[in-house]
C-alpha atoms as a PDB file:
ATOM      1  CA  MET A   1     193.911 -62.535 -77.894  1.00  0.00           C
ATOM      2  CA  ALA A   2     194.955 -59.042 -76.740  1.00  0.00           C
ATOM      3  CA  LYS A   3     198.685 -58.243 -75.738  1.00  0.00           C
ATOM      4  CA  ILE A   4     198.501 -57.058 -72.289  1.00  0.00           C
ATOM      5  CA  LEU A   5     201.245 -55.006 -70.678  1.00  0.00           C
ATOM      6  CA  ILE A   6     200.974 -54.752 -66.965  1.00  0.00           C
ATOM      7  CA  ILE A   7     202.533 -51.748 -65.303  1.00  0.00           C
ATOM      8  CA  VAL A   8     203.591 -52.355 -61.783  1.00  0.00           C
ATOM      9  CA  GLY A   9     203.469 -49.862 -58.979  1.00  0.00           C
ATOM     10  CA  THR A  10     204.923 -51.323 -55.752  1.00  0.00           C
ATOM     11  CA  GLU A  11     206.728 -50.607 -52.679  1.00  0.00           C
ATOM     12  CA  SER A  12     206.480 -53.814 -50.549  1.00  0.00           C
ATOM     13  CA  GLY A  13     205.718 -56.143 -53.257  1.00  0.00           C
ATOM     14  CA  ASN A  14     202.180 -57.089 -53.137  1.00  0.00           C
ATOM     15  CA  ALA A  15     201.230 -55.301 -56.212  1.00  0.00           C
ATOM     16  CA  GLN A  16     204.075 -56.972 -57.836  1.00  0.00           C
ATOM     17  CA  MET A  17     203.047 -60.392 -56.791  1.00  0.00           C
ATOM     18  CA  CYS A  18     199.620 -59.691 -58.415  1.00  0.00           C
ATOM     19  CA  ALA A  19     201.011 -58.918 -61.791  1.00  0.00           C
ATOM     20  CA  ASP A  20     203.143 -61.998 -61.510  1.00  0.00           C
ATOM     21  CA  HIS A  21     200.158 -64.221 -60.917  1.00  0.00           C
ATOM     22  CA  LEU A  22     198.162 -62.657 -63.652  1.00  0.00           C
ATOM     23  CA  SER A  23     201.378 -63.230 -65.829  1.00  0.00           C
ATOM     24  CA  ASP A  24     201.107 -66.768 -64.608  1.00  0.00           C
ATOM     25  CA  ASN A  25     197.721 -67.572 -65.320  1.00  0.00           C
ATOM     26  CA  LEU A  26     196.334 -65.342 -68.177  1.00  0.00           C
ATOM     27  CA  PRO A  27     198.123 -66.935 -70.782  1.00  0.00           C
ATOM     28  CA  ALA A  28     196.200 -69.869 -70.424  1.00  0.00           C
ATOM     29  CA  LEU A  29     193.165 -67.869 -71.542  1.00  0.00           C
ATOM     30  CA  GLY A  30     194.870 -67.051 -74.990  1.00  0.00           C
ATOM     31  CA  HIS A  31     196.569 -63.741 -73.718  1.00  0.00           C
ATOM     32  CA  GLU A  32     199.563 -62.905 -74.308  1.00  0.00           C
ATOM     33  CA  VAL A  33     201.417 -60.881 -71.100  1.00  0.00           C
ATOM     34  CA  GLU A  34     204.558 -58.515 -70.158  1.00  0.00           C
ATOM     35  CA  VAL A  35     204.818 -57.475 -66.661  1.00  0.00           C
ATOM     36  CA  ALA A  36     206.576 -53.514 -66.366  1.00  0.00           C
ATOM     37  CA  GLY A  37     207.530 -53.504 -62.614  1.00  0.00           C
ATOM     38  CA  ASP A  38     210.377 -52.323 -60.504  1.00  0.00           C
ATOM     39  CA  ALA A  39     212.742 -50.114 -62.382  1.00  0.00           C
ATOM     40  CA  ASP A  40     210.435 -50.938 -65.632  1.00  0.00           C
ATOM     41  CA  ALA A  41     207.479 -49.596 -64.530  1.00  0.00           C
ATOM     42  CA  GLY A  42     208.645 -45.773 -64.536  1.00  0.00           C
ATOM     43  CA  SER A  43     209.644 -45.921 -68.233  1.00  0.00           C
ATOM     44  CA  ALA A  44     206.923 -47.986 -69.714  1.00  0.00           C
ATOM     45  CA  GLU A  45     206.478 -47.752 -73.203  1.00  0.00           C
ATOM     46  CA  LEU A  46     202.925 -47.107 -74.073  1.00  0.00           C
ATOM     47  CA  ASP A  47     203.519 -46.497 -77.918  1.00  0.00           C
ATOM     48  CA  GLY A  48     202.346 -49.561 -80.142  1.00  0.00           C
ATOM     49  CA  ARG A  49     200.198 -50.882 -77.259  1.00  0.00           C
ATOM     50  CA  ASP A  50     196.527 -51.913 -77.314  1.00  0.00           C
ATOM     51  CA  VAL A  51     195.968 -53.445 -73.656  1.00  0.00           C
ATOM     52  CA  VAL A  52     197.367 -51.835 -70.663  1.00  0.00           C
ATOM     53  CA  LEU A  53     196.494 -53.058 -66.625  1.00  0.00           C
ATOM     54  CA  VAL A  54     197.907 -51.121 -63.968  1.00  0.00           C
ATOM     55  CA  CYS A  55     198.432 -52.580 -61.010  1.00  0.00           C
ATOM     56  CA  THR A  56     199.432 -50.253 -58.133  1.00  0.00           C
ATOM     57  CA  ALA A  57     199.612 -50.254 -54.576  1.00  0.00           C
ATOM     58  CA  THR A  58     199.169 -46.885 -52.581  1.00  0.00           C
ATOM     59  CA  HIS A  59     202.011 -46.019 -50.495  1.00  0.00           C
ATOM     60  CA  GLY A  60     202.467 -43.633 -47.846  1.00  0.00           C
ATOM     61  CA  ASP A  61     199.732 -40.892 -47.244  1.00  0.00           C
ATOM     62  CA  GLY A  62     198.173 -41.855 -50.415  1.00  0.00           C
ATOM     63  CA  GLU A  63     201.069 -41.598 -53.161  1.00  0.00           C
ATOM     64  CA  LEU A  64     202.528 -43.645 -55.759  1.00  0.00           C
ATOM     65  CA  PRO A  65     204.810 -45.943 -55.500  1.00  0.00           C
ATOM     66  CA  ASP A  66     208.227 -44.302 -56.342  1.00  0.00           C
ATOM     67  CA  ASN A  67     208.765 -46.906 -58.995  1.00  0.00           C
ATOM     68  CA  ILE A  68     206.010 -45.626 -61.179  1.00  0.00           C
ATOM     69  CA  ILE A  69     206.100 -41.870 -60.275  1.00  0.00           C
ATOM     70  CA  PRO A  70     208.144 -41.282 -63.672  1.00  0.00           C
ATOM     71  CA  LEU A  71     205.716 -42.668 -66.031  1.00  0.00           C
ATOM     72  CA  ALA A  72     203.124 -40.594 -63.974  1.00  0.00           C
ATOM     73  CA  GLU A  73     204.791 -37.356 -64.312  1.00  0.00           C
ATOM     74  CA  ARG A  74     205.589 -38.238 -68.225  1.00  0.00           C
ATOM     75  CA  LEU A  75     201.698 -38.755 -68.414  1.00  0.00           C
ATOM     76  CA  ARG A  76     200.774 -35.457 -66.624  1.00  0.00           C
ATOM     77  CA  ALA A  77     203.701 -33.145 -68.495  1.00  0.00           C
ATOM     78  CA  GLU A  78     203.081 -34.737 -72.100  1.00  0.00           C
ATOM     79  CA  THR A  79     199.353 -35.779 -72.041  1.00  0.00           C
ATOM     80  CA  PRO A  80     199.940 -38.215 -75.207  1.00  0.00           C
ATOM     81  CA  ASP A  81     197.146 -39.347 -77.020  1.00  0.00           C
ATOM     82  CA  LEU A  82     196.118 -42.705 -75.699  1.00  0.00           C
ATOM     83  CA  SER A  83     192.706 -43.118 -77.525  1.00  0.00           C
ATOM     84  CA  ARG A  84     194.027 -46.068 -79.405  1.00  0.00           C
ATOM     85  CA  LEU A  85     194.656 -47.704 -75.683  1.00  0.00           C
ATOM     86  CA  ARG A  86     192.269 -49.803 -73.692  1.00  0.00           C
ATOM     87  CA  TYR A  87     193.213 -50.214 -69.969  1.00  0.00           C
ATOM     88  CA  GLY A  88     192.043 -51.464 -66.583  1.00  0.00           C
ATOM     89  CA  VAL A  89     193.212 -50.552 -62.897  1.00  0.00           C
ATOM     90  CA  ILE A  90     193.859 -52.912 -59.675  1.00  0.00           C
ATOM     91  CA  ALA A  91     194.384 -50.584 -56.877  1.00  0.00           C
ATOM     92  CA  LEU A  92     195.579 -52.111 -54.005  1.00  0.00           C
ATOM     93  CA  GLY A  93     195.100 -49.593 -50.601  1.00  0.00           C
ATOM     94  CA  ASP A  94     193.947 -50.015 -46.895  1.00  0.00           C
ATOM     95  CA  GLN A  95     190.644 -49.177 -45.667  1.00  0.00           C
ATOM     96  CA  THR A  96     192.265 -47.757 -42.506  1.00  0.00           C
ATOM     97  CA  TYR A  97     193.433 -44.606 -44.769  1.00  0.00           C
ATOM     98  CA  LYS A  98     190.050 -43.890 -45.699  1.00  0.00           C
ATOM     99  CA  ALA A  99     190.779 -40.318 -47.322  1.00  0.00           C
ATOM    100  CA  THR A 100     193.291 -42.073 -49.538  1.00  0.00           C
ATOM    101  CA  PHE A 101     192.041 -45.496 -49.978  1.00  0.00           C
ATOM    102  CA  CYS A 102     193.861 -46.668 -53.350  1.00  0.00           C
ATOM    103  CA  GLN A 103     194.312 -43.200 -54.046  1.00  0.00           C
ATOM    104  CA  ALA A 104     197.552 -44.199 -56.415  1.00  0.00           C
ATOM    105  CA  GLY A 105     195.024 -46.647 -58.444  1.00  0.00           C
ATOM    106  CA  LYS A 106     192.406 -44.010 -58.920  1.00  0.00           C
ATOM    107  CA  ASP A 107     195.261 -41.334 -59.933  1.00  0.00           C
ATOM    108  CA  MET A 108     196.707 -43.780 -62.610  1.00  0.00           C
ATOM    109  CA  ASP A 109     193.027 -44.708 -63.792  1.00  0.00           C
ATOM    110  CA  ALA A 110     192.473 -40.364 -64.123  1.00  0.00           C
ATOM    111  CA  LEU A 111     195.857 -40.013 -65.830  1.00  0.00           C
ATOM    112  CA  PHE A 112     194.988 -42.581 -68.703  1.00  0.00           C
ATOM    113  CA  ALA A 113     191.504 -41.173 -68.903  1.00  0.00           C
ATOM    114  CA  ARG A 114     192.772 -37.560 -69.351  1.00  0.00           C
ATOM    115  CA  CYS A 115     195.480 -39.103 -72.112  1.00  0.00           C
ATOM    116  CA  GLY A 116     192.209 -39.940 -73.858  1.00  0.00           C
ATOM    117  CA  ALA A 117     192.852 -43.954 -73.059  1.00  0.00           C
ATOM    118  CA  ARG A 118     189.594 -46.412 -73.057  1.00  0.00           C
ATOM    119  CA  LYS A 119     188.748 -48.097 -69.595  1.00  0.00           C
ATOM    120  CA  VAL A 120     187.726 -51.393 -69.886  1.00  0.00           C
ATOM    121  CA  GLY A 121     185.511 -52.349 -66.663  1.00  0.00           C
ATOM    122  CA  GLU A 122     185.453 -51.003 -63.533  1.00  0.00           C
ATOM    123  CA  ARG A 123     188.598 -50.490 -61.275  1.00  0.00           C
ATOM    124  CA  LEU A 124     189.448 -53.397 -58.551  1.00  0.00           C
ATOM    125  CA  GLU A 125     189.941 -51.764 -55.210  1.00  0.00           C
ATOM    126  CA  ILE A 126     191.805 -54.253 -53.044  1.00  0.00           C
ATOM    127  CA  ASP A 127     191.826 -53.894 -49.089  1.00  0.00           C
ATOM    128  CA  ALA A 128     194.707 -55.277 -47.501  1.00  0.00           C
ATOM    129  CA  CYS A 129     192.682 -55.315 -44.107  1.00  0.00           C
ATOM    130  CA  THR A 130     189.930 -57.586 -45.299  1.00  0.00           C
ATOM    131  CA  GLN A 131     192.277 -59.513 -48.333  1.00  0.00           C
ATOM    132  CA  PRO A 132     196.302 -59.745 -47.061  1.00  0.00           C
ATOM    133  CA  LEU A 133     197.078 -61.587 -49.856  1.00  0.00           C
ATOM    134  CA  PRO A 134     195.145 -60.019 -53.270  1.00  0.00           C
ATOM    135  CA  ASP A 135     196.381 -62.240 -55.882  1.00  0.00           C
ATOM    136  CA  GLU A 136     193.519 -64.592 -56.079  1.00  0.00           C
ATOM    137  CA  GLU A 137     190.996 -61.511 -56.102  1.00  0.00           C
ATOM    138  CA  ALA A 138     193.011 -59.604 -58.751  1.00  0.00           C
ATOM    139  CA  LEU A 139     193.097 -62.953 -61.048  1.00  0.00           C
ATOM    140  CA  SER A 140     189.218 -63.373 -60.540  1.00  0.00           C
ATOM    141  CA  TRP A 141     188.610 -60.115 -61.562  1.00  0.00           C
ATOM    142  CA  ALA A 142     191.381 -59.868 -64.364  1.00  0.00           C
ATOM    143  CA  GLN A 143     189.510 -63.572 -65.802  1.00  0.00           C
ATOM    144  CA  GLU A 144     186.457 -61.756 -65.903  1.00  0.00           C
ATOM    145  CA  TRP A 145     188.236 -58.129 -67.240  1.00  0.00           C
ATOM    146  CA  VAL A 146     189.534 -60.273 -70.235  1.00  0.00           C
ATOM    147  CA  THR A 147     186.308 -60.926 -71.681  1.00  0.00           C
ATOM    148  CA  MET A 148     185.509 -57.491 -72.225  1.00  0.00           C
ATOM    149  CA  LEU A 149     188.427 -57.005 -74.490  1.00  0.00           C
END
């Protein structure tokens, strides 16, 4: 099965909660899971990786969480060849901010695609207005997502 690196972009902890829930449950499906959150997300090493799952909240007015900005800046500046990498995105947002709903997830999705990574499945967008505890929705999506790897 797959070795999955979950890269977490978080401000309030909801994206980290989702990643931790996935890390607790996906190994039962035969997958090895590593979580890069908090200080580790910005310096996440993508060389030698096969599968990455970005789990990020949107902060402020559509911005990336502070901890994942260094990774995004590195991808923008270097545009590394990620064509060997498969990825997925779980984006957390709030529909109240219609113009920037899940913008951080959309931005990370675009960055990975720009670097040649191959997206698996559709991006999951979780609305905080309708799903205040997103971990179960994320797990349900991820259980289907891993079957496409």
